[in-house]
Structures are given as C-alpha cells and as structure tokens.
Amino acid sequence: MSPTRESRRTVFRRIAHRPHVAWPVYDTTPLYDRTSLAGLESDVQTVSETWFDHDSHDSVEEFVWSLPLAYFQFNTHDCYGGLTRYEMDTLFRVFVLKELHGWEHETALLKYLDSHSELRERLELESVPDQSTLWRSWHTRFTDGLRETVQKAARTILIKAQNADVAVPREPERNLLDRGHDATESDPDDQTILDEAGNITDHVSRVVFPAFSLNRGEDCEIPENAYWGLQTYLGLRENLAANEGARSFIHESTRERTPLGHGHRDQIRDLSIEQIREMYRQAVQQLTNELAGTEEFFRAGIVAIDITEDDPFTGDRAGHEDEIIGTKEKTDEYAYQWATVQLVGNAVPLVLDARPVQKGESRKEIVEDLLDSAEELVHVDNVLMDREFDSQHILEMISQRGLSYVVPKRMQTSEKAQAKRLLQRGQDRYETDRKLHLGKNEWHETTLIYRRKEDSEHDDHRQYSVFMTNRGSGHLTEYGYRWEIESGYRSIKRFMAATTSKDFGLRFFYFAFACLLYSIWRAVDLLVQVELTGEYEHSPIVTADNTLTLLKKETGIG
C-alpha cells in the first residue's frame, strides 16, 4: 500500500509528540546549520523508525521519495559550481536507492530506472541520466562526506524496515561482534539490550557513585548509598519533591532504613558548592575512564558551553538577589542559572562539568573555569558557544589555549549596515576579517561570516546571522551540533527533583546530580551499543527510563 497524505501526517505527528526526540531539522533556533550531514543522518533515522511502523508503509523505495529533504542545503556538498541538469536532492535519492539494492555499478541502477516509470516520476527525473553522468556525480560532484551519508542513510533505512518486517532488497550489514550467535541475526532485541544495560549499569554505578560522599559521622544507621538511591528515585518521575519521594521510597526500597525527606535535604545542604563540583568532576572522571577503552569515545573534540535557567522563581527572593539573578532574555522574571560544558558532535554527549552562575561573575570567568575542567578530561579542539559569549576577551582567551571557536555575534551598527548591503546585492554569504579591540593597542583577529537564513520571517537585515571563528568557514558547519546541548538540557531537567527551597547549594546539587544521571545514561548507552553492535550511533538504543530503573536497583531500591 502506498503512503497517503493521511499516513504521512500520522507519522510526523507521532514524531512531533515524542518528548525527547533530538531532531535538529525542526529546532526553532535560526542558527541551526542546515548543511550538517550529521543532522541529515539523524533525521533519516528519526523518520525511518516511525515511518515503517505505519501499516501503509511497506516499501523502502517509497520511503526514499517520501523523505523530506527540502530543508537541507546540499550546495555545501556540491563540488560543481555552475548550472547542472540534475538537482542534488534528486541525485541523493537516486544514490540511496542504489545503495539499498547493493548495486556496485551504475548499469543495474539505470536498467531499474528505465523499467520503473512511476519511480522516475516520484524521483522527479524527466529523463534517466546516462552512466557517465551518474559516475561523475558520485565520484567527483559529491563530497566524501556526502557519499558516506548516502551509505549510512541506506543502511539505516534497511535496518529500520527489516525491524518492522518490511521486505528489503538486501540484508543490511549489522556489524555485530561475535557473541556466540549467528552473525546474520537481526539487531539486538529489547531483552538483550536490557540485560546488557543491566550488567553495564551495575558496573558503572559501582565506579561512579563512590565519588559522591556526605559530611557524616561514623556508625550512621542509614547507608550513604541510600541517599544517592533516593536522589536517583526522584529523577525517575517528573516534578517529584523529596518529602513525597521519600515516602514512596520507603515502600519500594529493599533497605531496612531509608532517608526521610527533611533528613535527605539536610545532608545535601551541608555540602558546599565547591564540594559538589569536586564530587561531580571525580564522578565524570571515573565515567570517562570507563569509556576510554572504546575507540568511539575518542572522537571527542568539540565541546559546547552554555547557560540554562531553572524554572522561573515566583517567591520572595530577598537576600538571594545574587543567586536568583533573572533570565537570559532580560524579562521581568527571575531564575537560578547553571552553566555547563558538554561534549557534542560525534562524541557521546557527556556533561563534563556544571557550575552555578552568580551575579557579578563575568562570562570570561565562567568559560575559563569550564574549559579547565573539560581539558582535564578530554582532548578539546573546538568550542561552540551562544552569542552571549561573543566578547573579544573570551575569544582571545580561547585562541591563546590553541583552540578554535564558533560563536554567533550580536549585530551592532556595522554588522547591520553590512547585512543591508548584502540584502541589496542578493548575496547569501559573506566573509571578512575583523580586528576586535582588547585595549592598550592590543587586538584579537577573527573572521566574520554572514549567512542568510532561508525562510526568515523578516524582510530586512535580520535575515542574516553573523558568526565569528578563528579557523575559517569550514568550522561553521559544526555549529549545528549546538542543538544537542539544548536537547540534553531537556532530558537533564526531566531528571531533576522538584523543590521550592531557596537554598543555593541544594538547588545546584539537584541540577548537578541530574547532569550526572544524564551522563551515566549516555555512557551506558554507548557501552551497550559497542558491546552488542561493535559501533556507536548517536540515537540511543537504551532509554533514559531503563537506565534510571537499573540504577535504582544498584542503589538499593529494587
């Protein structure tokens, strides 16, 4: 049965209602880079795993011509500069089709297109390209990265279709390690994944949680691990406060004694901000040590630094003005703010460090502090930040460390004037070198890149974004990875216990512990994927809820 307008609508409604789907294409920020191959690969996976669950979708070829591609800017990956007969998106679909069938040469593809007129029409091919055109398109027009994306997309489509019992032209390569079962076995089933995740979670929790300790005397009746068990339990359910959670915890725990809500909060309040941060860093160090044995982890290199807000604070903040400092959007609301540095890109998205943001702290202090932590844990190449970090002094500090950066710039008078000129000329992209004054006749040299946003709601200079980088325009594509940190924040806040307390240390601990739970989840998922499939794909196969459920068992709940 062919896909219909209704069936397509059903698929995309399901995707839109998934609470934690990391789908960069429809991220609302105008700064998302629509040339990102990593984003395209992620979208193929996101759409295909829902597409083939629909009863009307029983053909991989129909998926190829139905996959939305209008948003993606192929021009960056097009080595031909002039006018061409065949559009890149059409060729992309054609070569995905070739990979789906596993044809080594163009001849088989041409014969297939010749004999399937409806398919040609769906692919918007007015005529079938000749063999030399297809060969040149693949080998000289497509970039290496785009060819690799075609192959990854085809493999993803085959696997998702086969998992949904849809007929496929060939068996997808699963790259499973030899674990004593047939090498042609399908992807690990849910029970296999859960069993492996249980074993790995058990090990990881025994390594990580000892980094956390409380300021308690000897011979305490309640084991320290019970406090971390309760905190993990609070993360299992959204908006669960300590008192309510502690009452439920008593019934679900296998322990003889468990903390009461007020006792739990009192123990955490005794911890200083620096103690919490030091424990967090030690725990993440243990986590990265566990991941260091995998080749996949050493794709680390790009970090994103950002600040997120807690829920708006609606009470009396008298005496806490230095801690409940407002919102980044300069509204009349107030909120606690937390800063993080997180791995992004192809690496597993661990939160390497977290810290509170207080009144009077400069953005440069925050960035220096977080980069110090990150560089102790991983090799850092590139730093991605939001426009609130566009200070020339921050950029100079990053350059002095030998790191590259990509940061959007707030548009001042000169940038607005340049954007207006570009708009008049109909120019979509422009680069220029700029010296930023540091004081005392010292300057920071950077490159400004103007990029026009497609489908902008504005008709003036606001159609353009301006980025700064010290490594050339090639790094601009990586800025699209910043969507991952926003996706991560959504999951982190889902793991936070609810509280109305104004205690700054307690508030920060709740956020830091949620960051740790998130990082454990992503680390467990990487280790499970590598163990079961021999490779790591960014989309998790272990759910966050499964990880937390397994963690609560290891901390004495079940």
Protein backbone atom coordinates (compact mmCIF):
# COMPACT_ATOMS: atom_id res chain seq x y z
CA MET A 1 0.00 0.00 0.00
CA SER A 2 1.42 3.39 -0.99
CA PRO A 3 1.78 6.20 1.55
CA THR A 4 -1.06 8.68 1.60
CA ARG A 5 -1.32 12.24 2.81
CA GLU A 6 -3.04 10.94 5.93
CA SER A 7 -0.42 8.26 6.63
CA ARG A 8 2.39 10.78 6.25
CA ARG A 9 0.61 13.18 8.57
CA THR A 10 0.23 10.41 11.14
CA VAL A 11 3.96 9.64 11.03
CA PHE A 12 5.07 13.22 11.54
CA ARG A 13 2.51 13.80 14.27
CA ARG A 14 3.95 10.83 16.13
CA ILE A 15 7.45 12.24 15.77
CA ALA A 16 6.33 15.68 16.92
CA HIS A 17 4.78 14.21 20.07
CA ARG A 18 7.87 12.26 21.10
CA PRO A 19 9.01 14.13 24.23
CA HIS A 20 12.79 13.87 23.90
CA VAL A 21 13.43 13.35 20.20
CA ALA A 22 16.62 15.08 19.11
CA TRP A 23 15.54 16.28 15.69
CA PRO A 24 17.72 19.21 14.61
CA VAL A 25 15.87 19.98 11.40
CA TYR A 26 12.91 21.46 13.18
CA ASP A 27 14.82 23.11 16.00
CA THR A 28 13.40 26.62 16.32
CA THR A 29 16.74 28.41 16.57
CA PRO A 30 17.60 30.33 13.39
CA LEU A 31 21.24 29.46 13.96
CA TYR A 32 20.94 25.77 13.15
CA ASP A 33 23.23 24.88 10.26
CA ARG A 34 21.09 23.24 7.59
CA THR A 35 24.17 21.90 5.82
CA SER A 36 25.03 19.46 8.62
CA LEU A 37 25.41 15.88 7.39
CA ALA A 38 25.17 14.67 10.98
CA GLY A 39 21.75 16.33 11.19
CA LEU A 40 20.66 14.72 7.93
CA GLU A 41 21.75 11.27 9.14
CA SER A 42 19.90 11.82 12.41
CA ASP A 43 16.73 12.79 10.55
CA VAL A 44 16.82 9.70 8.33
CA GLN A 45 16.98 7.59 11.47
CA THR A 46 14.25 9.55 13.26
CA VAL A 47 11.81 9.41 10.36
CA SER A 48 12.50 5.84 9.26
CA GLU A 49 12.00 4.28 12.69
CA THR A 50 8.48 5.76 12.83
CA TRP A 51 7.69 5.54 9.12
CA PHE A 52 7.82 1.76 8.82
CA ASP A 53 5.64 1.25 11.89
CA HIS A 54 2.67 2.50 9.86
CA ASP A 55 0.64 -0.23 8.16
CA SER A 56 0.53 1.71 4.87
CA HIS A 57 4.32 1.98 4.61
CA ASP A 58 5.68 -1.30 3.31
CA SER A 59 8.28 -0.21 0.73
CA VAL A 60 11.80 1.15 1.22
CA GLU A 61 11.64 2.79 -2.21
CA GLU A 62 8.53 4.73 -1.24
CA PHE A 63 10.40 5.95 1.82
CA VAL A 64 13.23 7.22 -0.39
CA TRP A 65 11.00 9.51 -2.42
CA SER A 66 8.87 10.48 0.61
CA LEU A 67 11.76 11.54 2.87
CA PRO A 68 11.60 15.35 3.42
CA LEU A 69 14.75 16.98 2.03
CA ALA A 70 13.59 20.48 1.11
CA TYR A 71 15.13 21.92 4.28
CA PHE A 72 18.62 20.56 3.59
CA GLN A 73 21.17 22.72 1.79
CA PHE A 74 23.10 20.39 -0.49
CA ASN A 75 25.10 23.19 -2.13
CA THR A 76 27.85 22.97 0.50
CA HIS A 77 28.45 19.35 -0.52
CA ASP A 78 28.24 20.02 -4.27
CA CYS A 79 31.69 20.18 -5.90
CA TYR A 80 30.20 21.57 -9.13
CA GLY A 81 29.87 25.31 -9.18
CA GLY A 82 27.76 26.04 -12.27
CA LEU A 83 24.34 25.08 -13.54
CA THR A 84 23.65 21.37 -13.76
CA ARG A 85 20.89 19.27 -15.27
CA TYR A 86 20.15 17.18 -12.17
CA GLU A 87 19.47 18.61 -8.73
CA MET A 88 21.50 17.37 -5.77
CA ASP A 89 18.48 16.21 -3.76
CA THR A 90 17.31 14.09 -6.70
CA LEU A 91 20.76 12.54 -7.09
CA PHE A 92 20.90 11.93 -3.35
CA ARG A 93 17.69 9.88 -3.54
CA VAL A 94 18.93 8.02 -6.63
CA PHE A 95 22.18 7.01 -4.95
CA VAL A 96 20.38 5.98 -1.74
CA LEU A 97 18.26 3.72 -3.97
CA LYS A 98 21.44 2.26 -5.49
CA GLU A 99 22.86 1.57 -2.01
CA LEU A 100 19.60 -0.02 -0.85
CA HIS A 101 19.89 -2.60 -3.60
CA GLY A 102 23.63 -3.01 -3.13
CA TRP A 103 24.42 -2.45 -6.80
CA GLU A 104 28.15 -1.97 -7.34
CA HIS A 105 27.85 -0.34 -10.76
CA GLU A 106 25.58 2.24 -12.35
CA THR A 107 24.38 -0.17 -15.07
CA ALA A 108 21.99 -2.03 -12.77
CA LEU A 109 20.61 1.25 -11.44
CA LEU A 110 19.99 2.56 -14.96
CA LYS A 111 18.17 -0.60 -16.03
CA TYR A 112 16.00 -0.41 -12.93
CA LEU A 113 15.09 3.23 -13.52
CA ASP A 114 14.35 2.54 -17.19
CA SER A 115 11.84 -0.16 -16.28
CA HIS A 116 10.10 1.76 -13.44
CA SER A 117 8.47 4.85 -14.88
CA GLU A 118 6.43 5.60 -11.74
CA LEU A 119 9.60 5.60 -9.65
CA ARG A 120 11.25 8.00 -12.11
CA GLU A 121 8.25 10.31 -11.80
CA ARG A 122 8.39 10.18 -7.99
CA LEU A 123 12.12 10.98 -8.10
CA GLU A 124 11.39 13.91 -10.45
CA LEU A 125 13.59 12.50 -13.20
CA GLU A 126 12.37 13.83 -16.54
CA SER A 127 15.00 11.64 -18.19
CA VAL A 128 17.31 8.91 -16.94
CA PRO A 129 20.93 10.10 -16.54
CA ASP A 130 23.48 8.22 -18.61
CA GLN A 131 26.10 6.05 -16.96
CA SER A 132 28.94 8.59 -17.21
CA THR A 133 26.78 11.31 -15.61
CA LEU A 134 25.98 9.09 -12.65
CA TRP A 135 29.62 8.03 -12.29
CA ARG A 136 30.88 11.62 -12.33
CA SER A 137 28.14 12.76 -9.95
CA TRP A 138 29.11 10.13 -7.40
CA HIS A 139 32.87 10.34 -7.73
CA THR A 140 33.50 13.99 -8.49
CA ARG A 141 30.36 16.01 -7.69
CA PHE A 142 29.52 14.52 -4.29
CA THR A 143 31.92 15.24 -1.42
CA ASP A 144 33.43 12.35 0.54
CA GLY A 145 31.16 13.23 3.47
CA LEU A 146 28.01 13.19 1.36
CA ARG A 147 28.89 9.80 -0.14
CA GLU A 148 29.35 8.43 3.37
CA THR A 149 25.99 9.90 4.41
CA VAL A 150 24.29 8.17 1.46
CA GLN A 151 25.71 4.83 2.62
CA LYS A 152 24.74 5.43 6.26
CA ALA A 153 21.23 6.51 5.26
CA ALA A 154 20.70 3.37 3.15
CA ARG A 155 21.92 1.10 5.95
CA THR A 156 19.63 2.86 8.46
CA ILE A 157 16.60 2.52 6.15
CA LEU A 158 17.29 -1.19 5.60
CA ILE A 159 17.62 -1.89 9.32
CA LYS A 160 14.51 0.08 10.33
CA ALA A 161 12.46 -1.52 7.55
CA GLN A 162 13.62 -5.03 8.41
CA ASN A 163 12.89 -4.46 12.10
CA ALA A 164 9.32 -3.58 11.10
CA ASP A 165 9.01 -6.74 8.95
CA VAL A 166 9.09 -4.74 5.72
CA ALA A 167 10.69 -6.51 2.75
CA VAL A 168 14.16 -5.21 1.92
CA PRO A 169 16.22 -5.60 -1.29
CA ARG A 170 19.23 -6.94 0.62
CA GLU A 171 20.41 -7.79 4.12
CA PRO A 172 21.85 -4.73 5.92
CA GLU A 173 25.30 -5.01 7.45
CA ARG A 174 24.81 -5.10 11.20
CA ASN A 175 28.48 -5.14 12.27
CA LEU A 176 27.68 -7.33 15.24
CA LEU A 177 30.52 -8.66 17.33
CA ASP A 178 30.86 -12.42 17.59
CA ARG A 179 28.95 -13.17 20.79
CA GLY A 180 28.22 -16.80 20.12
CA HIS A 181 25.14 -16.31 17.96
CA ASP A 182 24.51 -16.29 14.25
CA ALA A 183 26.22 -13.36 12.51
CA THR A 184 23.11 -12.73 10.40
CA GLU A 185 20.93 -12.22 13.46
CA SER A 186 18.90 -9.00 13.48
CA ASP A 187 19.52 -6.06 15.79
CA PRO A 188 19.54 -6.98 19.49
CA ASP A 189 16.01 -7.30 20.84
CA ASP A 190 14.76 -5.28 23.80
CA GLN A 191 15.53 -8.02 26.33
CA THR A 192 19.09 -8.45 25.07
CA ILE A 193 19.63 -4.70 25.27
CA LEU A 194 18.13 -4.55 28.76
CA ASP A 195 20.22 -7.47 30.01
CA GLU A 196 23.42 -5.93 28.68
CA ALA A 197 22.44 -2.50 30.01
CA GLY A 198 21.85 -4.07 33.44
CA ASN A 199 25.33 -5.56 33.54
CA ILE A 200 26.98 -2.34 32.40
CA THR A 201 24.87 -0.10 34.66
CA ASP A 202 25.81 -2.29 37.62
CA HIS A 203 29.49 -1.82 36.85
CA VAL A 204 29.27 1.90 36.05
CA SER A 205 27.29 2.73 39.19
CA ARG A 206 29.84 0.92 41.38
CA VAL A 207 32.58 3.00 39.79
CA VAL A 208 30.86 6.40 39.69
CA PHE A 209 28.78 6.77 42.87
CA PRO A 210 31.68 6.32 45.33
CA ALA A 211 32.92 9.73 44.09
CA PHE A 212 29.97 11.26 45.99
CA SER A 213 30.16 11.43 49.78
CA LEU A 214 28.35 13.23 52.58
CA ASN A 215 29.76 15.05 55.62
CA ARG A 216 28.55 12.45 58.13
CA GLY A 217 29.97 10.91 61.23
CA GLU A 218 30.80 7.24 61.65
CA ASP A 219 28.30 4.48 62.56
CA CYS A 220 25.34 6.08 60.79
CA GLU A 221 22.34 3.76 60.55
CA ILE A 222 21.35 4.79 57.03
CA PRO A 223 23.96 3.81 54.41
CA GLU A 224 25.25 6.68 52.31
CA ASN A 225 24.26 4.87 49.13
CA ALA A 226 20.64 5.15 50.23
CA TYR A 227 20.81 8.92 49.77
CA TRP A 228 22.01 8.54 46.19
CA GLY A 229 19.34 5.91 45.70
CA LEU A 230 16.67 8.36 46.84
CA GLN A 231 18.06 11.11 44.62
CA THR A 232 18.02 8.71 41.65
CA TYR A 233 14.48 7.71 42.55
CA LEU A 234 13.43 11.37 42.49
CA GLY A 235 14.82 11.57 38.97
CA LEU A 236 12.57 8.70 37.83
CA ARG A 237 9.47 10.84 37.99
CA GLU A 238 8.98 14.38 36.83
CA ASN A 239 8.35 17.07 39.46
CA LEU A 240 8.76 14.70 42.42
CA ALA A 241 9.82 16.50 45.61
CA ALA A 242 11.97 14.96 48.35
CA ASN A 243 9.23 14.56 51.00
CA GLU A 244 6.77 12.83 48.69
CA GLY A 245 9.54 10.82 47.07
CA ALA A 246 10.96 9.68 50.41
CA ARG A 247 7.55 8.32 51.47
CA SER A 248 7.26 6.26 48.27
CA PHE A 249 10.90 5.28 48.53
CA ILE A 250 10.25 3.54 51.85
CA HIS A 251 7.85 1.10 50.19
CA GLU A 252 9.89 0.45 47.04
CA SER A 253 13.29 0.14 48.68
CA THR A 254 14.73 -3.18 49.83
CA ARG A 255 16.65 -1.38 52.59
CA GLU A 256 15.68 -1.57 56.25
CA ARG A 257 16.29 2.17 56.72
CA THR A 258 15.91 4.93 54.14
CA PRO A 259 16.28 8.71 54.44
CA LEU A 260 13.31 10.91 55.24
CA GLY A 261 12.78 13.92 53.02
CA HIS A 262 13.95 16.53 55.53
CA GLY A 263 16.96 14.42 56.53
CA HIS A 264 17.93 14.00 52.90
CA ARG A 265 17.77 17.75 52.29
CA ASP A 266 19.72 18.50 55.48
CA GLN A 267 22.57 16.23 54.41
CA ILE A 268 22.80 17.87 51.00
CA ARG A 269 22.61 21.39 52.43
CA ASP A 270 25.80 20.64 54.37
CA LEU A 271 27.68 20.31 51.08
CA SER A 272 29.35 23.41 49.71
CA ILE A 273 29.20 24.37 46.04
CA GLU A 274 32.88 23.50 45.64
CA GLN A 275 32.38 20.11 47.31
CA ILE A 276 29.52 19.32 44.95
CA ARG A 277 31.55 20.38 41.92
CA GLU A 278 34.60 18.39 43.02
CA MET A 279 32.50 15.27 43.56
CA TYR A 280 30.86 15.77 40.17
CA ARG A 281 34.23 16.13 38.43
CA GLN A 282 35.55 12.99 40.14
CA ALA A 283 32.44 11.05 39.10
CA VAL A 284 32.75 12.17 35.46
CA GLN A 285 36.47 11.33 35.56
CA GLN A 286 35.54 7.78 36.56
CA LEU A 287 32.94 7.73 33.79
CA THR A 288 35.39 8.86 31.12
CA ASN A 289 37.93 6.32 32.37
CA GLU A 290 35.35 3.60 31.71
CA LEU A 291 34.74 4.92 28.21
CA ALA A 292 38.41 5.43 27.39
CA GLY A 293 38.79 1.85 26.20
CA THR A 294 36.37 2.37 23.32
CA GLU A 295 37.52 3.81 20.03
CA GLU A 296 34.18 5.61 19.72
CA PHE A 297 34.85 7.81 22.75
CA PHE A 298 38.00 9.26 21.24
CA ARG A 299 36.01 11.00 18.57
CA ALA A 300 35.71 13.65 21.28
CA GLY A 301 36.98 17.08 20.35
CA ILE A 302 34.05 19.51 20.16
CA VAL A 303 32.55 20.99 23.32
CA ALA A 304 29.63 23.36 23.75
CA ILE A 305 29.40 25.83 26.62
CA ASP A 306 26.01 27.20 27.51
CA ILE A 307 23.88 28.57 30.33
CA THR A 308 20.45 27.23 31.16
CA GLU A 309 17.80 28.54 33.52
CA ASP A 310 15.86 26.77 36.21
CA ASP A 311 12.10 27.21 36.25
CA PRO A 312 11.12 30.86 36.87
CA PHE A 313 11.22 31.71 40.59
CA THR A 314 7.94 33.14 41.80
CA GLY A 315 8.61 33.64 45.53
CA ASP A 316 10.33 36.35 47.54
CA ARG A 317 13.99 36.46 46.57
CA ALA A 318 15.03 38.96 49.28
CA GLY A 319 18.53 38.05 50.45
CA HIS A 320 19.10 35.85 47.40
CA GLU A 321 19.45 38.51 44.70
CA ASP A 322 22.99 37.33 43.87
CA GLU A 323 21.76 33.79 43.20
CA ILE A 324 18.28 34.22 41.71
CA ILE A 325 19.55 36.58 39.06
CA GLY A 326 16.97 36.78 36.30
CA THR A 327 16.64 35.30 32.84
CA LYS A 328 18.90 35.45 29.79
CA GLU A 329 16.14 37.06 27.74
CA LYS A 330 16.05 40.08 30.07
CA THR A 331 12.42 39.65 31.05
CA ASP A 332 10.91 40.68 34.38
CA GLU A 333 11.19 37.08 35.64
CA TYR A 334 13.88 35.67 37.92
CA ALA A 335 15.53 32.26 37.88
CA TYR A 336 18.55 30.31 39.04
CA GLN A 337 21.07 29.84 36.24
CA TRP A 338 23.51 26.97 35.66
CA ALA A 339 26.40 26.75 33.19
CA THR A 340 27.72 23.53 31.64
CA VAL A 341 30.35 22.28 29.24
CA GLN A 342 29.22 19.28 27.22
CA LEU A 343 30.68 17.04 24.54
CA VAL A 344 28.84 17.38 21.22
CA GLY A 345 29.28 16.19 17.65
CA ASN A 346 30.03 12.53 17.09
CA ALA A 347 31.11 12.01 20.69
CA VAL A 348 28.84 10.68 23.42
CA PRO A 349 27.19 13.84 24.87
CA LEU A 350 28.53 13.81 28.42
CA VAL A 351 28.17 16.87 30.65
CA LEU A 352 31.83 17.29 31.62
CA ASP A 353 31.24 19.94 34.28
CA ALA A 354 28.50 22.12 35.71
CA ARG A 355 28.56 25.23 37.84
CA PRO A 356 26.13 27.85 39.15
CA VAL A 357 26.04 31.36 37.69
CA GLN A 358 26.02 34.19 40.23
CA LYS A 359 25.63 37.92 39.97
CA GLY A 360 28.89 39.70 39.26
CA GLU A 361 30.64 36.81 37.52
CA SER A 362 31.94 37.57 34.06
CA ARG A 363 31.25 35.26 31.13
CA LYS A 364 35.04 35.00 30.67
CA GLU A 365 35.44 33.59 34.21
CA ILE A 366 32.73 31.03 33.53
CA VAL A 367 34.22 29.90 30.20
CA GLU A 368 37.76 29.66 31.64
CA ASP A 369 36.53 27.61 34.57
CA LEU A 370 34.57 25.16 32.45
CA LEU A 371 37.33 24.79 29.84
CA ASP A 372 39.82 24.00 32.61
CA SER A 373 37.61 21.11 33.68
CA ALA A 374 36.93 19.91 30.13
CA GLU A 375 40.60 19.88 29.11
CA GLU A 376 41.49 17.78 32.15
CA LEU A 377 39.03 15.12 30.99
CA VAL A 378 39.17 15.05 27.18
CA HIS A 379 41.07 16.40 24.22
CA VAL A 380 39.32 19.60 23.12
CA ASP A 381 39.69 21.05 19.61
CA ASN A 382 36.73 23.33 19.04
CA VAL A 383 34.48 25.37 21.34
CA LEU A 384 30.89 26.25 20.42
CA MET A 385 29.06 28.97 22.35
CA ASP A 386 25.95 31.10 22.11
CA ARG A 387 26.02 34.82 21.28
CA GLU A 388 26.07 35.82 24.96
CA PHE A 389 29.72 34.70 24.91
CA ASP A 390 30.75 36.87 21.94
CA SER A 391 33.18 39.01 23.99
CA GLN A 392 36.53 39.56 22.28
CA HIS A 393 38.29 38.81 25.56
CA ILE A 394 36.66 35.37 25.72
CA LEU A 395 37.61 34.68 22.11
CA GLU A 396 41.21 35.76 22.72
CA MET A 397 41.44 33.50 25.77
CA ILE A 398 40.21 30.52 23.74
CA SER A 399 42.69 31.28 20.95
CA GLN A 400 45.53 31.56 23.48
CA ARG A 401 44.71 28.00 24.53
CA GLY A 402 45.25 26.86 20.95
CA LEU A 403 41.55 26.07 20.47
CA SER A 404 39.18 27.04 17.68
CA TYR A 405 35.76 28.56 18.26
CA VAL A 406 32.48 29.31 16.51
CA VAL A 407 30.31 31.95 18.16
CA PRO A 408 27.38 33.95 16.75
CA LYS A 409 27.85 37.71 17.09
CA ARG A 410 25.30 40.18 18.29
CA MET A 411 24.72 42.57 15.41
CA GLN A 412 25.92 46.11 16.06
CA THR A 413 25.66 49.12 13.73
CA SER A 414 28.44 47.99 11.37
CA GLU A 415 27.09 44.43 11.07
CA LYS A 416 23.58 45.71 10.39
CA ALA A 417 24.90 48.01 7.68
CA GLN A 418 26.84 45.17 6.06
CA ALA A 419 23.78 42.90 6.19
CA LYS A 420 21.72 45.59 4.47
CA ARG A 421 24.30 45.80 1.68
CA LEU A 422 24.28 42.02 1.27
CA LEU A 423 20.49 42.06 1.10
CA GLN A 424 20.55 44.70 -1.63
CA ARG A 425 23.01 42.58 -3.63
CA GLY A 426 21.06 39.38 -3.02
CA GLN A 427 24.19 37.77 -1.53
CA ASP A 428 23.59 34.82 0.81
CA ARG A 429 27.05 34.51 2.32
CA TYR A 430 29.97 36.83 3.01
CA GLU A 431 33.27 36.55 4.90
CA THR A 432 35.55 39.29 6.16
CA ASP A 433 38.44 39.52 8.62
CA ARG A 434 37.94 41.74 11.65
CA LYS A 435 40.18 43.00 14.44
CA LEU A 436 38.47 43.31 17.81
CA HIS A 437 39.98 45.80 20.26
CA LEU A 438 41.27 44.26 23.51
CA GLY A 439 42.63 47.52 24.97
CA LYS A 440 46.14 49.01 25.24
CA ASN A 441 46.61 48.79 21.48
CA GLU A 442 46.01 45.01 21.52
CA TRP A 443 43.65 43.29 19.10
CA HIS A 444 42.02 39.94 18.57
CA GLU A 445 41.87 38.81 14.95
CA THR A 446 38.77 36.87 13.90
CA THR A 447 36.71 36.10 10.82
CA LEU A 448 33.13 37.31 10.49
CA ILE A 449 30.82 35.12 8.41
CA TYR A 450 27.46 36.48 7.33
CA ARG A 451 24.92 33.83 6.43
CA ARG A 452 21.41 34.39 5.17
CA LYS A 453 18.66 32.36 6.81
CA GLU A 454 16.23 30.74 4.44
CA ASP A 455 12.52 31.19 5.11
CA SER A 456 13.20 34.05 7.51
CA GLU A 457 10.15 35.84 8.85
CA HIS A 458 11.96 39.14 8.34
CA ASP A 459 12.40 41.12 5.12
CA ASP A 460 15.32 43.29 6.28
CA HIS A 461 18.88 42.81 7.59
CA ARG A 462 17.57 40.39 10.24
CA GLN A 463 17.57 37.70 7.57
CA TYR A 464 21.30 37.38 8.27
CA SER A 465 23.22 35.79 11.13
CA VAL A 466 26.82 36.74 11.83
CA PHE A 467 29.31 34.21 13.19
CA MET A 468 32.86 34.64 14.45
CA THR A 469 35.53 31.96 14.08
CA ASN A 470 39.32 31.79 14.21
CA ARG A 471 39.64 28.76 11.92
CA GLY A 472 37.83 29.69 8.72
CA SER A 473 34.37 28.94 7.38
CA GLY A 474 34.88 25.17 7.36
CA HIS A 475 34.16 25.07 11.11
CA LEU A 476 30.81 26.82 10.71
CA THR A 477 29.11 23.55 9.83
CA GLU A 478 29.99 22.25 13.29
CA TYR A 479 27.85 24.93 14.92
CA GLY A 480 24.83 22.82 14.06
CA TYR A 481 25.96 20.45 16.81
CA ARG A 482 24.83 23.00 19.41
CA TRP A 483 21.27 21.69 19.11
CA GLU A 484 22.47 18.69 21.12
CA ILE A 485 23.10 20.72 24.25
CA GLU A 486 19.52 22.07 24.19
CA SER A 487 18.23 18.52 23.73
CA GLY A 488 20.43 17.46 26.64
CA TYR A 489 19.05 20.20 28.89
CA ARG A 490 15.51 18.95 28.29
CA SER A 491 16.48 15.49 29.50
CA ILE A 492 18.51 16.83 32.43
CA LYS A 493 15.61 18.92 33.71
CA ARG A 494 13.40 15.85 33.39
CA PHE A 495 15.77 14.10 35.88
CA MET A 496 15.67 16.90 38.47
CA ALA A 497 13.83 16.60 41.76
CA ALA A 498 11.26 19.29 42.45
CA THR A 499 11.82 21.82 45.22
CA THR A 500 10.68 25.25 46.38
CA SER A 501 13.76 25.71 48.59
CA LYS A 502 15.89 28.82 48.09
CA ASP A 503 18.99 27.04 49.41
CA PHE A 504 21.56 27.65 46.66
CA GLY A 505 23.62 24.54 47.38
CA LEU A 506 20.55 22.28 47.36
CA ARG A 507 19.32 23.77 44.12
CA PHE A 508 22.70 23.31 42.45
CA PHE A 509 23.05 19.75 43.77
CA TYR A 510 19.72 18.80 42.22
CA PHE A 511 20.90 20.15 38.86
CA ALA A 512 24.38 18.59 39.09
CA PHE A 513 23.01 15.18 40.07
CA ALA A 514 20.58 15.33 37.15
CA CYS A 515 23.56 16.08 34.86
CA LEU A 516 25.29 13.01 36.29
CA LEU A 517 22.25 10.78 35.69
CA TYR A 518 22.05 12.07 32.12
CA SER A 519 25.77 11.42 31.56
CA ILE A 520 25.52 7.92 33.04
CA TRP A 521 22.61 7.16 30.71
CA ARG A 522 24.53 8.28 27.63
CA ALA A 523 27.68 6.44 28.75
CA VAL A 524 25.76 3.22 29.42
CA ASP A 525 24.11 3.52 26.01
CA LEU A 526 27.49 3.90 24.27
CA LEU A 527 28.94 0.88 26.08
CA VAL A 528 25.86 -1.23 25.30
CA GLN A 529 25.93 -0.29 21.62
CA VAL A 530 29.63 -1.05 21.30
CA GLU A 531 29.23 -4.36 23.12
CA LEU A 532 26.25 -5.53 21.07
CA THR A 533 26.91 -4.00 17.66
CA GLY A 534 30.56 -3.02 17.59
CA GLU A 535 29.80 0.63 16.79
CA TYR A 536 28.14 3.73 18.23
CA GLU A 537 25.22 5.60 16.71
CA HIS A 538 24.11 8.85 18.29
CA SER A 539 20.47 7.84 18.67
CA PRO A 540 20.25 5.85 21.95
CA ILE A 541 19.10 2.24 22.00
CA VAL A 542 18.91 2.25 25.81
CA THR A 543 16.19 4.54 27.13
CA ALA A 544 16.73 7.03 29.92
CA ASP A 545 13.96 5.44 31.99
CA ASN A 546 15.54 1.99 31.63
CA THR A 547 18.88 3.34 32.83
CA LEU A 548 17.35 5.06 35.84
CA THR A 549 15.34 1.94 36.69
CA LEU A 550 18.52 -0.13 36.57
CA LEU A 551 20.39 2.47 38.62
CA LYS A 552 17.77 2.46 41.33
CA LYS A 553 18.28 -1.29 41.72
CA GLU A 554 22.00 -0.81 42.15
CA THR A 555 21.44 1.86 44.79
CA GLY A 556 19.13 -0.31 46.83
CA ILE A 557 15.60 0.43 45.68
CA GLY A 558 14.54 -2.72 43.92
